[in-house]
Structures are given as structure tokens and as C-alpha cells.
Amino acid sequence: MRGYLGLGSNVGDRRANLRAAVDELRGRGVEVVAESSVYETEPQGEILDQPDFLNAAVAIDTELAPEQLLDVCKEVERALGREQERPGIRPARSTSTSCCSEISNTRATGSRSPMPR
């Protein structure tokens, strides 16, 4: 399955956190086939009083089902120190599932697995 993941980090060495997320994905059955440039963005949404983000996207190939891929993204977040204190937006060392706000299965007919909040 070809998929695309959005990555973001707003705590600590943000660029190193993005690299670590890509490395963690590669070690968990996800082949990263392309990486975007890195962009700095201001926080959006409900919580604006937090550091700016570095964001990037990666194209991946994997045999994992969308739900399994979401689980892997959550594992990567935990491995990199993200704490799930409460639902919603919060500062994070690395967000691999803001590594995926949604996971799209491009082989299926528009099937999407949204990130639970």
C-alpha cells in the first residue's frame, strides 16, 4: 500500500525529532520512499500558546492495514516520548500521527483511518 504521513514536532530539537520519527517508522515495517522539505508553521486551532512546529510529509510503502499503520504511528510517538495526557491538541516532542492526522489507504476506495482525539 502506498500512503502519505504528515509529521510534526514542536518541542526540543524539532528537526532531530522528525528524523527520529522517520527512522522509527523504517524499523517497524514501513518503507519510507520519499521525504518532503521541512516547513515551520505556527500553531493552528484551539491551543495557540505553544511553540511553532516543524512539519514534513513522507511517502511510504507498507503491507500494514490502515489500522495497523495507525498503531505503528502511535508506537513511534510513544517511543519518542509523546505523552497522551488528554484528548486534543497538545505540545509534543514528535507527532507521528500528527505522524498522522489521517491515514489514507490509496488502494482502497477512499478508505481513511482518522487519528483518534
PDB file of N, CA and C in Angstrom:
ATOM      1  N   MET A   1       0.849  -1.162   0.000  1.00  0.00           N
ATOM      2  CA  MET A   1       0.000   0.000   0.000  1.00  0.00           C
ATOM      3  C   MET A   1       0.900   1.233   0.000  1.00  0.00           C
ATOM      4  N   ARG A   2       0.605   2.183  -0.835  1.00  0.00           N
ATOM      5  CA  ARG A   2       1.285   3.475  -0.820  1.00  0.00           C
ATOM      6  C   ARG A   2       0.465   4.402   0.067  1.00  0.00           C
ATOM      7  N   GLY A   3       1.143   5.114   0.926  1.00  0.00           N
ATOM      8  CA  GLY A   3       0.466   6.049   1.820  1.00  0.00           C
ATOM      9  C   GLY A   3       1.319   7.277   2.041  1.00  0.00           C
ATOM     10  N   TYR A   4       0.737   8.247   2.704  1.00  0.00           N
ATOM     11  CA  TYR A   4       1.419   9.511   2.989  1.00  0.00           C
ATOM     12  C   TYR A   4       1.164   9.874   4.435  1.00  0.00           C
ATOM     13  N   LEU A   5       2.231  10.205   5.152  1.00  0.00           N
ATOM     14  CA  LEU A   5       2.111  10.561   6.557  1.00  0.00           C
ATOM     15  C   LEU A   5       2.624  11.973   6.767  1.00  0.00           C
ATOM     16  N   GLY A   6       1.879  12.738   7.542  1.00  0.00           N
ATOM     17  CA  GLY A   6       2.325  14.059   7.944  1.00  0.00           C
ATOM     18  C   GLY A   6       3.048  13.951   9.274  1.00  0.00           C
ATOM     19  N   LEU A   7       4.200  14.609   9.400  1.00  0.00           N
ATOM     20  CA  LEU A   7       4.997  14.588  10.617  1.00  0.00           C
ATOM     21  C   LEU A   7       5.094  16.003  11.174  1.00  0.00           C
ATOM     22  N   GLY A   8       5.144  16.113  12.481  1.00  0.00           N
ATOM     23  CA  GLY A   8       5.304  17.430  13.079  1.00  0.00           C
ATOM     24  C   GLY A   8       5.936  17.330  14.449  1.00  0.00           C
ATOM     25  N   SER A   9       6.698  18.361  14.804  1.00  0.00           N
ATOM     26  CA  SER A   9       7.319  18.421  16.120  1.00  0.00           C
ATOM     27  C   SER A   9       7.412  19.877  16.543  1.00  0.00           C
ATOM     28  N   ASN A  10       7.125  20.124  17.835  1.00  0.00           N
ATOM     29  CA  ASN A  10       7.236  21.496  18.336  1.00  0.00           C
ATOM     30  C   ASN A  10       7.938  21.587  19.687  1.00  0.00           C
ATOM     31  N   VAL A  11       8.688  20.563  20.067  1.00  0.00           N
ATOM     32  CA  VAL A  11       9.385  20.556  21.347  1.00  0.00           C
ATOM     33  C   VAL A  11      10.802  20.034  21.133  1.00  0.00           C
ATOM     34  N   GLY A  12      11.749  20.615  21.827  1.00  0.00           N
ATOM     35  CA  GLY A  12      13.129  20.130  21.773  1.00  0.00           C
ATOM     36  C   GLY A  12      13.767  20.390  20.424  1.00  0.00           C
ATOM     37  N   ASP A  13      14.644  19.491  20.014  1.00  0.00           N
ATOM     38  CA  ASP A  13      15.305  19.588  18.709  1.00  0.00           C
ATOM     39  C   ASP A  13      14.325  19.061  17.670  1.00  0.00           C
ATOM     40  N   ARG A  14      13.515  19.953  17.161  1.00  0.00           N
ATOM     41  CA  ARG A  14      12.405  19.560  16.286  1.00  0.00           C
ATOM     42  C   ARG A  14      12.871  18.799  15.047  1.00  0.00           C
ATOM     43  N   ARG A  15      13.940  19.247  14.417  1.00  0.00           N
ATOM     44  CA  ARG A  15      14.432  18.573  13.208  1.00  0.00           C
ATOM     45  C   ARG A  15      14.926  17.159  13.542  1.00  0.00           C
ATOM     46  N   ALA A  16      15.638  17.016  14.645  1.00  0.00           N
ATOM     47  CA  ALA A  16      16.099  15.690  15.068  1.00  0.00           C
ATOM     48  C   ALA A  16      14.910  14.788  15.394  1.00  0.00           C
ATOM     49  N   ASN A  17      13.857  15.353  15.967  1.00  0.00           N
ATOM     50  CA  ASN A  17      12.659  14.569  16.267  1.00  0.00           C
ATOM     51  C   ASN A  17      12.013  14.043  14.991  1.00  0.00           C
ATOM     52  N   LEU A  18      11.966  14.873  13.942  1.00  0.00           N
ATOM     53  CA  LEU A  18      11.401  14.418  12.666  1.00  0.00           C
ATOM     54  C   LEU A  18      12.245  13.288  12.083  1.00  0.00           C
ATOM     55  N   ARG A  19      13.578  13.450  12.130  1.00  0.00           N
ATOM     56  CA  ARG A  19      14.458  12.381  11.627  1.00  0.00           C
ATOM     57  C   ARG A  19      14.257  11.097  12.421  1.00  0.00           C
ATOM     58  N   ALA A  20      14.138  11.227  13.739  1.00  0.00           N
ATOM     59  CA  ALA A  20      13.941  10.046  14.586  1.00  0.00           C
ATOM     60  C   ALA A  20      12.621   9.349  14.255  1.00  0.00           C
ATOM     61  N   ALA A  21      11.579  10.124  13.973  1.00  0.00           N
ATOM     62  CA  ALA A  21      10.287   9.528  13.615  1.00  0.00           C
ATOM     63  C   ALA A  21      10.412   8.721  12.330  1.00  0.00           C
ATOM     64  N   VAL A  22      11.119   9.263  11.343  1.00  0.00           N
ATOM     65  CA  VAL A  22      11.323   8.536  10.083  1.00  0.00           C
ATOM     66  C   VAL A  22      12.117   7.257  10.343  1.00  0.00           C
ATOM     67  N   ASP A  23      13.170   7.351  11.143  1.00  0.00           N
ATOM     68  CA  ASP A  23      13.965   6.159  11.470  1.00  0.00           C
ATOM     69  C   ASP A  23      13.126   5.104  12.183  1.00  0.00           C
ATOM     70  N   GLU A  24      12.292   5.533  13.129  1.00  0.00           N
ATOM     71  CA  GLU A  24      11.419   4.603  13.861  1.00  0.00           C
ATOM     72  C   GLU A  24      10.433   3.929  12.917  1.00  0.00           C
ATOM     73  N   LEU A  25       9.855   4.675  11.990  1.00  0.00           N
ATOM     74  CA  LEU A  25       8.928   4.086  11.023  1.00  0.00           C
ATOM     75  C   LEU A  25       9.626   3.006  10.210  1.00  0.00           C
ATOM     76  N   ARG A  26      10.837   3.301   9.754  1.00  0.00           N
ATOM     77  CA  ARG A  26      11.590   2.337   8.944  1.00  0.00           C
ATOM     78  C   ARG A  26      11.848   1.044   9.705  1.00  0.00           C
ATOM     79  N   GLY A  27      11.988   1.118  11.000  1.00  0.00           N
ATOM     80  CA  GLY A  27      12.248  -0.065  11.800  1.00  0.00           C
ATOM     81  C   GLY A  27      10.995  -0.842  12.175  1.00  0.00           C
ATOM     82  N   ARG A  28       9.843  -0.416  11.668  1.00  0.00           N
ATOM     83  CA  ARG A  28       8.579  -1.048  12.063  1.00  0.00           C
ATOM     84  C   ARG A  28       7.734  -1.474  10.859  1.00  0.00           C
ATOM     85  N   GLY A  29       8.385  -1.905   9.795  1.00  0.00           N
ATOM     86  CA  GLY A  29       7.653  -2.444   8.648  1.00  0.00           C
ATOM     87  C   GLY A  29       7.117  -1.386   7.703  1.00  0.00           C
ATOM     88  N   VAL A  30       7.658  -0.177   7.768  1.00  0.00           N
ATOM     89  CA  VAL A  30       7.206   0.912   6.907  1.00  0.00           C
ATOM     90  C   VAL A  30       8.404   1.364   6.076  1.00  0.00           C
ATOM     91  N   GLU A  31       8.282   1.275   4.757  1.00  0.00           N
ATOM     92  CA  GLU A  31       9.343   1.729   3.869  1.00  0.00           C
ATOM     93  C   GLU A  31       9.078   3.181   3.493  1.00  0.00           C
ATOM     94  N   VAL A  32       9.966   4.065   3.893  1.00  0.00           N
ATOM     95  CA  VAL A  32       9.846   5.483   3.546  1.00  0.00           C
ATOM     96  C   VAL A  32      10.497   5.659   2.182  1.00  0.00           C
ATOM     97  N   VAL A  33       9.682   6.011   1.165  1.00  0.00           N
ATOM     98  CA  VAL A  33      10.189   6.088  -0.204  1.00  0.00           C
ATOM     99  C   VAL A  33      10.487   7.521  -0.646  1.00  0.00           C
ATOM    100  N   ALA A  34       9.961   8.512   0.064  1.00  0.00           N
ATOM    101  CA  ALA A  34      10.238   9.916  -0.262  1.00  0.00           C
ATOM    102  C   ALA A  34       9.951  10.770   0.958  1.00  0.00           C
ATOM    103  N   GLU A  35      10.702  11.864   1.069  1.00  0.00           N
ATOM    104  CA  GLU A  35      10.518  12.811   2.172  1.00  0.00           C
ATOM    105  C   GLU A  35      10.377  14.206   1.594  1.00  0.00           C
ATOM    106  N   SER A  36       9.451  14.982   2.146  1.00  0.00           N
ATOM    107  CA  SER A  36       9.272  16.358   1.702  1.00  0.00           C
ATOM    108  C   SER A  36      10.313  17.267   2.331  1.00  0.00           C
ATOM    109  N   SER A  37      10.289  18.508   1.932  1.00  0.00           N
ATOM    110  CA  SER A  37      11.043  19.538   2.634  1.00  0.00           C
ATOM    111  C   SER A  37      10.415  19.721   4.011  1.00  0.00           C
ATOM    112  N   VAL A  38      11.109  20.417   4.883  1.00  0.00           N
ATOM    113  CA  VAL A  38      10.614  20.710   6.225  1.00  0.00           C
ATOM    114  C   VAL A  38      10.154  22.161   6.248  1.00  0.00           C
ATOM    115  N   TYR A  39       8.986  22.383   6.838  1.00  0.00           N
ATOM    116  CA  TYR A  39       8.397  23.716   6.900  1.00  0.00           C
ATOM    117  C   TYR A  39       8.100  24.081   8.347  1.00  0.00           C
ATOM    118  N   GLU A  40       8.324  25.336   8.693  1.00  0.00           N
ATOM    119  CA  GLU A  40       7.978  25.826  10.026  1.00  0.00           C
ATOM    120  C   GLU A  40       6.616  26.500   9.953  1.00  0.00           C
ATOM    121  N   THR A  41       5.730  26.112  10.879  1.00  0.00           N
ATOM    122  CA  THR A  41       4.382  26.673  10.894  1.00  0.00           C
ATOM    123  C   THR A  41       3.998  27.074  12.308  1.00  0.00           C
ATOM    124  N   GLU A  42       3.140  28.079  12.390  1.00  0.00           N
ATOM    125  CA  GLU A  42       2.595  28.498  13.672  1.00  0.00           C
ATOM    126  C   GLU A  42       1.504  27.514  14.095  1.00  0.00           C
ATOM    127  N   PRO A  43       1.274  27.380  15.396  1.00  0.00           N
ATOM    128  CA  PRO A  43       0.181  26.517  15.869  1.00  0.00           C
ATOM    129  C   PRO A  43      -1.162  26.978  15.290  1.00  0.00           C
ATOM    130  N   GLN A  44      -2.011  26.027  15.027  1.00  0.00           N
ATOM    131  CA  GLN A  44      -3.348  26.292  14.493  1.00  0.00           C
ATOM    132  C   GLN A  44      -4.375  25.677  15.431  1.00  0.00           C
ATOM    133  N   GLY A  45      -5.599  26.144  15.371  1.00  0.00           N
ATOM    134  CA  GLY A  45      -6.669  25.508  16.131  1.00  0.00           C
ATOM    135  C   GLY A  45      -6.891  26.131  17.483  1.00  0.00           C
ATOM    136  N   GLU A  46      -7.241  25.266  18.442  1.00  0.00           N
ATOM    137  CA  GLU A  46      -7.679  25.719  19.759  1.00  0.00           C
ATOM    138  C   GLU A  46      -6.547  26.246  20.639  1.00  0.00           C
ATOM    139  N   ILE A  47      -5.380  25.623  20.591  1.00  0.00           N
ATOM    140  CA  ILE A  47      -4.299  25.983  21.501  1.00  0.00           C
ATOM    141  C   ILE A  47      -3.195  26.671  20.703  1.00  0.00           C
ATOM    142  N   LEU A  48      -3.145  27.984  20.802  1.00  0.00           N
ATOM    143  CA  LEU A  48      -2.173  28.756  20.038  1.00  0.00           C
ATOM    144  C   LEU A  48      -0.933  29.104  20.856  1.00  0.00           C
ATOM    145  N   ASP A  49      -1.026  28.962  22.181  1.00  0.00           N
ATOM    146  CA  ASP A  49       0.067  29.310  23.071  1.00  0.00           C
ATOM    147  C   ASP A  49       1.002  28.118  23.238  1.00  0.00           C
ATOM    148  N   GLN A  50       1.725  27.796  22.160  1.00  0.00           N
ATOM    149  CA  GLN A  50       2.696  26.717  22.169  1.00  0.00           C
ATOM    150  C   GLN A  50       3.743  27.034  21.102  1.00  0.00           C
ATOM    151  N   PRO A  51       4.890  26.365  21.152  1.00  0.00           N
ATOM    152  CA  PRO A  51       5.953  26.657  20.182  1.00  0.00           C
ATOM    153  C   PRO A  51       5.526  26.343  18.744  1.00  0.00           C
ATOM    154  N   ASP A  52       6.206  27.010  17.788  1.00  0.00           N
ATOM    155  CA  ASP A  52       5.971  26.720  16.375  1.00  0.00           C
ATOM    156  C   ASP A  52       6.377  25.284  16.059  1.00  0.00           C
ATOM    157  N   PHE A  53       5.780  24.744  15.022  1.00  0.00           N
ATOM    158  CA  PHE A  53       6.035  23.377  14.582  1.00  0.00           C
ATOM    159  C   PHE A  53       6.999  23.349  13.414  1.00  0.00           C
ATOM    160  N   LEU A  54       7.771  22.280  13.323  1.00  0.00           N
ATOM    161  CA  LEU A  54       8.397  21.890  12.068  1.00  0.00           C
ATOM    162  C   LEU A  54       7.548  20.751  11.540  1.00  0.00           C
ATOM    163  N   ASN A  55       7.167  20.832  10.269  1.00  0.00           N
ATOM    164  CA  ASN A  55       6.308  19.834   9.645  1.00  0.00           C
ATOM    165  C   ASN A  55       6.945  19.310   8.369  1.00  0.00           C
ATOM    166  N   ALA A  56       6.653  18.069   8.067  1.00  0.00           N
ATOM    167  CA  ALA A  56       7.106  17.429   6.839  1.00  0.00           C
ATOM    168  C   ALA A  56       6.117  16.322   6.509  1.00  0.00           C
ATOM    169  N   ALA A  57       6.283  15.743   5.343  1.00  0.00           N
ATOM    170  CA  ALA A  57       5.463  14.597   4.944  1.00  0.00           C
ATOM    171  C   ALA A  57       6.387  13.539   4.360  1.00  0.00           C
ATOM    172  N   VAL A  58       5.954  12.297   4.484  1.00  0.00           N
ATOM    173  CA  VAL A  58       6.700  11.195   3.880  1.00  0.00           C
ATOM    174  C   VAL A  58       5.735  10.335   3.068  1.00  0.00           C
ATOM    175  N   ALA A  59       6.241   9.838   1.941  1.00  0.00           N
ATOM    176  CA  ALA A  59       5.525   8.828   1.165  1.00  0.00           C
ATOM    177  C   ALA A  59       6.046   7.484   1.641  1.00  0.00           C
ATOM    178  N   ILE A  60       5.123   6.554   1.864  1.00  0.00           N
ATOM    179  CA  ILE A  60       5.514   5.247   2.395  1.00  0.00           C
ATOM    180  C   ILE A  60       4.919   4.123   1.560  1.00  0.00           C
ATOM    181  N   ASP A  61       5.579   2.992   1.616  1.00  0.00           N
ATOM    182  CA  ASP A  61       5.023   1.731   1.122  1.00  0.00           C
ATOM    183  C   ASP A  61       5.002   0.790   2.311  1.00  0.00           C
ATOM    184  N   THR A  62       3.894   0.087   2.491  1.00  0.00           N
ATOM    185  CA  THR A  62       3.780  -0.858   3.594  1.00  0.00           C
ATOM    186  C   THR A  62       2.728  -1.905   3.264  1.00  0.00           C
ATOM    187  N   GLU A  63       2.879  -3.062   3.855  1.00  0.00           N
ATOM    188  CA  GLU A  63       1.870  -4.111   3.746  1.00  0.00           C
ATOM    189  C   GLU A  63       0.902  -4.052   4.931  1.00  0.00           C
ATOM    190  N   LEU A  64       1.129  -3.127   5.848  1.00  0.00           N
ATOM    191  CA  LEU A  64       0.241  -2.993   7.002  1.00  0.00           C
ATOM    192  C   LEU A  64      -1.124  -2.476   6.576  1.00  0.00           C
ATOM    193  N   ALA A  65      -2.164  -2.990   7.220  1.00  0.00           N
ATOM    194  CA  ALA A  65      -3.512  -2.450   7.018  1.00  0.00           C
ATOM    195  C   ALA A  65      -3.558  -1.055   7.641  1.00  0.00           C
ATOM    196  N   PRO A  66      -4.484  -0.205   7.207  1.00  0.00           N
ATOM    197  CA  PRO A  66      -4.554   1.158   7.760  1.00  0.00           C
ATOM    198  C   PRO A  66      -4.606   1.204   9.285  1.00  0.00           C
ATOM    199  N   GLU A  67      -5.371   0.303   9.899  1.00  0.00           N
ATOM    200  CA  GLU A  67      -5.475   0.306  11.359  1.00  0.00           C
ATOM    201  C   GLU A  67      -4.150  -0.090  12.008  1.00  0.00           C
ATOM    202  N   GLN A  68      -3.432  -1.041  11.378  1.00  0.00           N
ATOM    203  CA  GLN A  68      -2.122  -1.439  11.883  1.00  0.00           C
ATOM    204  C   GLN A  68      -1.121  -0.292  11.742  1.00  0.00           C
ATOM    205  N   LEU A  69      -1.202   0.430  10.631  1.00  0.00           N
ATOM    206  CA  LEU A  69      -0.318   1.572  10.416  1.00  0.00           C
ATOM    207  C   LEU A  69      -0.562   2.652  11.464  1.00  0.00           C
ATOM    208  N   LEU A  70      -1.818   2.881  11.792  1.00  0.00           N
ATOM    209  CA  LEU A  70      -2.138   3.844  12.845  1.00  0.00           C
ATOM    210  C   LEU A  70      -1.522   3.398  14.169  1.00  0.00           C
ATOM    211  N   ASP A  71      -1.604   2.106  14.470  1.00  0.00           N
ATOM    212  CA  ASP A  71      -0.987   1.581  15.697  1.00  0.00           C
ATOM    213  C   ASP A  71       0.524   1.807  15.684  1.00  0.00           C
ATOM    214  N   VAL A  72       1.168   1.575  14.540  1.00  0.00           N
ATOM    215  CA  VAL A  72       2.607   1.799  14.426  1.00  0.00           C
ATOM    216  C   VAL A  72       2.925   3.271  14.658  1.00  0.00           C
ATOM    217  N   CYS A  73       2.131   4.165  14.091  1.00  0.00           N
ATOM    218  CA  CYS A  73       2.363   5.597  14.287  1.00  0.00           C
ATOM    219  C   CYS A  73       2.268   5.973  15.764  1.00  0.00           C
ATOM    220  N   LYS A  74       1.301   5.413  16.455  1.00  0.00           N
ATOM    221  CA  LYS A  74       1.164   5.680  17.888  1.00  0.00           C
ATOM    222  C   LYS A  74       2.352   5.110  18.668  1.00  0.00           C
ATOM    223  N   GLU A  75       2.846   3.925  18.255  1.00  0.00           N
ATOM    224  CA  GLU A  75       4.026   3.338  18.894  1.00  0.00           C
ATOM    225  C   GLU A  75       5.236   4.245  18.702  1.00  0.00           C
ATOM    226  N   VAL A  76       5.392   4.795  17.512  1.00  0.00           N
ATOM    227  CA  VAL A  76       6.510   5.708  17.228  1.00  0.00           C
ATOM    228  C   VAL A  76       6.409   6.933  18.123  1.00  0.00           C
ATOM    229  N   GLU A  77       5.217   7.496  18.246  1.00  0.00           N
ATOM    230  CA  GLU A  77       5.035   8.656  19.113  1.00  0.00           C
ATOM    231  C   GLU A  77       5.445   8.342  20.549  1.00  0.00           C
ATOM    232  N   ARG A  78       4.997   7.196  21.058  1.00  0.00           N
ATOM    233  CA  ARG A  78       5.349   6.820  22.429  1.00  0.00           C
ATOM    234  C   ARG A  78       6.855   6.599  22.567  1.00  0.00           C
ATOM    235  N   ALA A  79       7.465   5.947  21.572  1.00  0.00           N
ATOM    236  CA  ALA A  79       8.906   5.685  21.616  1.00  0.00           C
ATOM    237  C   ALA A  79       9.707   6.985  21.646  1.00  0.00           C
ATOM    238  N   LEU A  80       9.164   8.035  21.053  1.00  0.00           N
ATOM    239  CA  LEU A  80       9.864   9.323  21.007  1.00  0.00           C
ATOM    240  C   LEU A  80       9.446  10.255  22.140  1.00  0.00           C
ATOM    241  N   GLY A  81       8.652   9.736  23.072  1.00  0.00           N
ATOM    242  CA  GLY A  81       8.361  10.498  24.278  1.00  0.00           C
ATOM    243  C   GLY A  81       7.078  11.276  24.304  1.00  0.00           C
ATOM    244  N   ARG A  82       6.197  11.094  23.332  1.00  0.00           N
ATOM    245  CA  ARG A  82       4.925  11.808  23.368  1.00  0.00           C
ATOM    246  C   ARG A  82       4.041  11.226  24.452  1.00  0.00           C
ATOM    247  N   GLU A  83       3.488  12.085  25.260  1.00  0.00           N
ATOM    248  CA  GLU A  83       2.578  11.664  26.320  1.00  0.00           C
ATOM    249  C   GLU A  83       1.151  11.978  25.910  1.00  0.00           C
ATOM    250  N   GLN A  84       0.275  11.022  26.077  1.00  0.00           N
ATOM    251  CA  GLN A  84      -1.140  11.202  25.767  1.00  0.00           C
ATOM    252  C   GLN A  84      -1.849  11.641  27.032  1.00  0.00           C
ATOM    253  N   GLU A  85      -1.670  12.892  27.403  1.00  0.00           N
ATOM    254  CA  GLU A  85      -2.252  13.393  28.649  1.00  0.00           C
ATOM    255  C   GLU A  85      -3.765  13.521  28.578  1.00  0.00           C
ATOM    256  N   ARG A  86      -4.245  14.024  27.449  1.00  0.00           N
ATOM    257  CA  ARG A  86      -5.679  14.236  27.289  1.00  0.00           C
ATOM    258  C   ARG A  86      -5.982  14.281  25.802  1.00  0.00           C
ATOM    259  N   PRO A  87      -7.217  14.061  25.429  1.00  0.00           N
ATOM    260  CA  PRO A  87      -7.550  14.156  24.011  1.00  0.00           C
ATOM    261  C   PRO A  87      -7.358  15.588  23.517  1.00  0.00           C
ATOM    262  N   GLY A  88      -7.077  15.700  22.239  1.00  0.00           N
ATOM    263  CA  GLY A  88      -6.977  17.025  21.626  1.00  0.00           C
ATOM    264  C   GLY A  88      -5.550  17.417  21.335  1.00  0.00           C
ATOM    265  N   ILE A  89      -5.376  18.669  21.017  1.00  0.00           N
ATOM    266  CA  ILE A  89      -4.084  19.188  20.606  1.00  0.00           C
ATOM    267  C   ILE A  89      -3.255  19.520  21.830  1.00  0.00           C
ATOM    268  N   ARG A  90      -1.977  19.151  21.805  1.00  0.00           N
ATOM    269  CA  ARG A  90      -1.073  19.494  22.885  1.00  0.00           C
ATOM    270  C   ARG A  90       0.346  19.481  22.350  1.00  0.00           C
ATOM    271  N   PRO A  91       1.252  20.194  23.004  1.00  0.00           N
ATOM    272  CA  PRO A  91       2.644  20.157  22.561  1.00  0.00           C
ATOM    273  C   PRO A  91       3.165  18.729  22.578  1.00  0.00           C
ATOM    274  N   ALA A  92       4.021  18.415  21.634  1.00  0.00           N
ATOM    275  CA  ALA A  92       4.533  17.053  21.530  1.00  0.00           C
ATOM    276  C   ALA A  92       5.968  17.073  21.057  1.00  0.00           C
ATOM    277  N   ARG A  93       6.780  16.177  21.598  1.00  0.00           N
ATOM    278  CA  ARG A  93       8.169  16.069  21.160  1.00  0.00           C
ATOM    279  C   ARG A  93       8.181  15.665  19.688  1.00  0.00           C
ATOM    280  N   SER A  94       7.370  14.711  19.314  1.00  0.00           N
ATOM    281  CA  SER A  94       7.228  14.330  17.911  1.00  0.00           C
ATOM    282  C   SER A  94       5.827  13.808  17.736  1.00  0.00           C
ATOM    283  N   THR A  95       5.193  14.245  16.684  1.00  0.00           N
ATOM    284  CA  THR A  95       3.874  13.717  16.423  1.00  0.00           C
ATOM    285  C   THR A  95       3.939  12.964  15.125  1.00  0.00           C
ATOM    286  N   SER A  96       3.900  11.689  15.240  1.00  0.00           N
ATOM    287  CA  SER A  96       3.981  10.914  14.038  1.00  0.00           C
ATOM    288  C   SER A  96       2.590  10.713  13.511  1.00  0.00           C
ATOM    289  N   THR A  97       1.583  10.809  14.352  1.00  0.00           N
ATOM    290  CA  THR A  97       0.240  10.715  13.793  1.00  0.00           C
ATOM    291  C   THR A  97      -0.422  12.066  13.839  1.00  0.00           C
ATOM    292  N   SER A  98       0.033  13.126  14.350  1.00  0.00           N
ATOM    293  CA  SER A  98       0.040  14.412  13.592  1.00  0.00           C
ATOM    294  C   SER A  98       1.224  14.292  12.734  1.00  0.00           C
ATOM    295  N   CYS A  99       2.257  11.949  13.390  1.00  0.00           N
ATOM    296  CA  CYS A  99       2.638  11.108  12.197  1.00  0.00           C
ATOM    297  C   CYS A  99       1.337  10.750  11.594  1.00  0.00           C
ATOM    298  N   CYS A 100       0.148  11.120  11.991  1.00  0.00           N
ATOM    299  CA  CYS A 100      -0.920  11.013  11.006  1.00  0.00           C
ATOM    300  C   CYS A 100      -2.181  11.658  11.529  1.00  0.00           C
ATOM    301  N   SER A 101      -2.579  12.735  10.945  1.00  0.00           N
ATOM    302  CA  SER A 101      -3.896  13.225  11.286  1.00  0.00           C
ATOM    303  C   SER A 101      -4.918  12.339  10.596  1.00  0.00           C
ATOM    304  N   GLU A 102      -4.529  11.746   9.515  1.00  0.00           N
ATOM    305  CA  GLU A 102      -5.330  10.661   8.951  1.00  0.00           C
ATOM    306  C   GLU A 102      -4.430   9.782   8.113  1.00  0.00           C
ATOM    307  N   ILE A 103      -4.797   8.529   8.019  1.00  0.00           N
ATOM    308  CA  ILE A 103      -4.054   7.574   7.214  1.00  0.00           C
ATOM    309  C   ILE A 103      -4.960   7.171   6.066  1.00  0.00           C
ATOM    310  N   SER A 104      -4.488   7.357   4.862  1.00  0.00           N
ATOM    311  CA  SER A 104      -5.286   7.037   3.687  1.00  0.00           C
ATOM    312  C   SER A 104      -4.774   5.767   3.037  1.00  0.00           C
ATOM    313  N   ASN A 105      -5.658   4.870   2.749  1.00  0.00           N
ATOM    314  CA  ASN A 105      -5.325   3.660   2.011  1.00  0.00           C
ATOM    315  C   ASN A 105      -5.640   3.947   0.555  1.00  0.00           C
ATOM    316  N   THR A 106      -4.610   4.186  -0.257  1.00  0.00           N
ATOM    317  CA  THR A 106      -4.854   4.602  -1.634  1.00  0.00           C
ATOM    318  C   THR A 106      -5.227   3.444  -2.549  1.00  0.00           C
ATOM    319  N   ARG A 107      -5.089   2.213  -2.087  1.00  0.00           N
ATOM    320  CA  ARG A 107      -5.566   1.087  -2.882  1.00  0.00           C
ATOM    321  C   ARG A 107      -7.065   0.891  -2.723  1.00  0.00           C
ATOM    322  N   ALA A 108      -7.564   1.217  -1.556  1.00  0.00           N
ATOM    323  CA  ALA A 108      -8.993   1.065  -1.299  1.00  0.00           C
ATOM    324  C   ALA A 108      -9.729   2.255  -1.907  1.00  0.00           C
ATOM    325  N   THR A 109     -11.008   2.208  -1.873  1.00  0.00           N
ATOM    326  CA  THR A 109     -11.805   3.265  -2.485  1.00  0.00           C
ATOM    327  C   THR A 109     -12.041   4.388  -1.490  1.00  0.00           C
ATOM    328  N   GLY A 110     -10.981   5.146  -1.246  1.00  0.00           N
ATOM    329  CA  GLY A 110     -11.113   6.303  -0.363  1.00  0.00           C
ATOM    330  C   GLY A 110     -11.195   5.973   1.111  1.00  0.00           C
ATOM    331  N   SER A 111     -10.773   4.778   1.520  1.00  0.00           N
ATOM    332  CA  SER A 111     -10.827   4.393   2.924  1.00  0.00           C
ATOM    333  C   SER A 111      -9.851   5.239   3.727  1.00  0.00           C
ATOM    334  N   ARG A 112     -10.299   5.800   4.852  1.00  0.00           N
ATOM    335  CA  ARG A 112      -9.447   6.617   5.701  1.00  0.00           C
ATOM    336  C   ARG A 112      -9.587   6.198   7.134  1.00  0.00           C
ATOM    337  N   SER A 113      -8.486   6.247   7.846  1.00  0.00           N
ATOM    338  CA  SER A 113      -8.490   5.973   9.282  1.00  0.00           C
ATOM    339  C   SER A 113      -8.084   7.258   9.991  1.00  0.00           C
ATOM    340  N   PRO A 114      -9.029   7.993  10.562  1.00  0.00           N
ATOM    341  CA  PRO A 114      -8.661   9.237  11.232  1.00  0.00           C
ATOM    342  C   PRO A 114      -7.934   8.989  12.528  1.00  0.00           C
ATOM    343  N   MET A 115      -7.139   9.966  12.934  1.00  0.00           N
ATOM    344  CA  MET A 115      -6.446   9.895  14.216  1.00  0.00           C
ATOM    345  C   MET A 115      -7.466  10.118  15.320  1.00  0.00           C
ATOM    346  N   PRO A 116      -7.544   9.188  16.268  1.00  0.00           N
ATOM    347  CA  PRO A 116      -8.464   9.414  17.388  1.00  0.00           C
ATOM    348  C   PRO A 116      -7.987  10.588  18.233  1.00  0.00           C
ATOM    349  N   ARG A 117      -8.900  11.356  18.766  1.00  0.00           N
ATOM    350  CA  ARG A 117      -8.554  12.507  19.611  1.00  0.00           C
ATOM    351  C   ARG A 117      -8.909  12.221  21.031  1.00  0.00           C
TER     352      ARG A 117
END
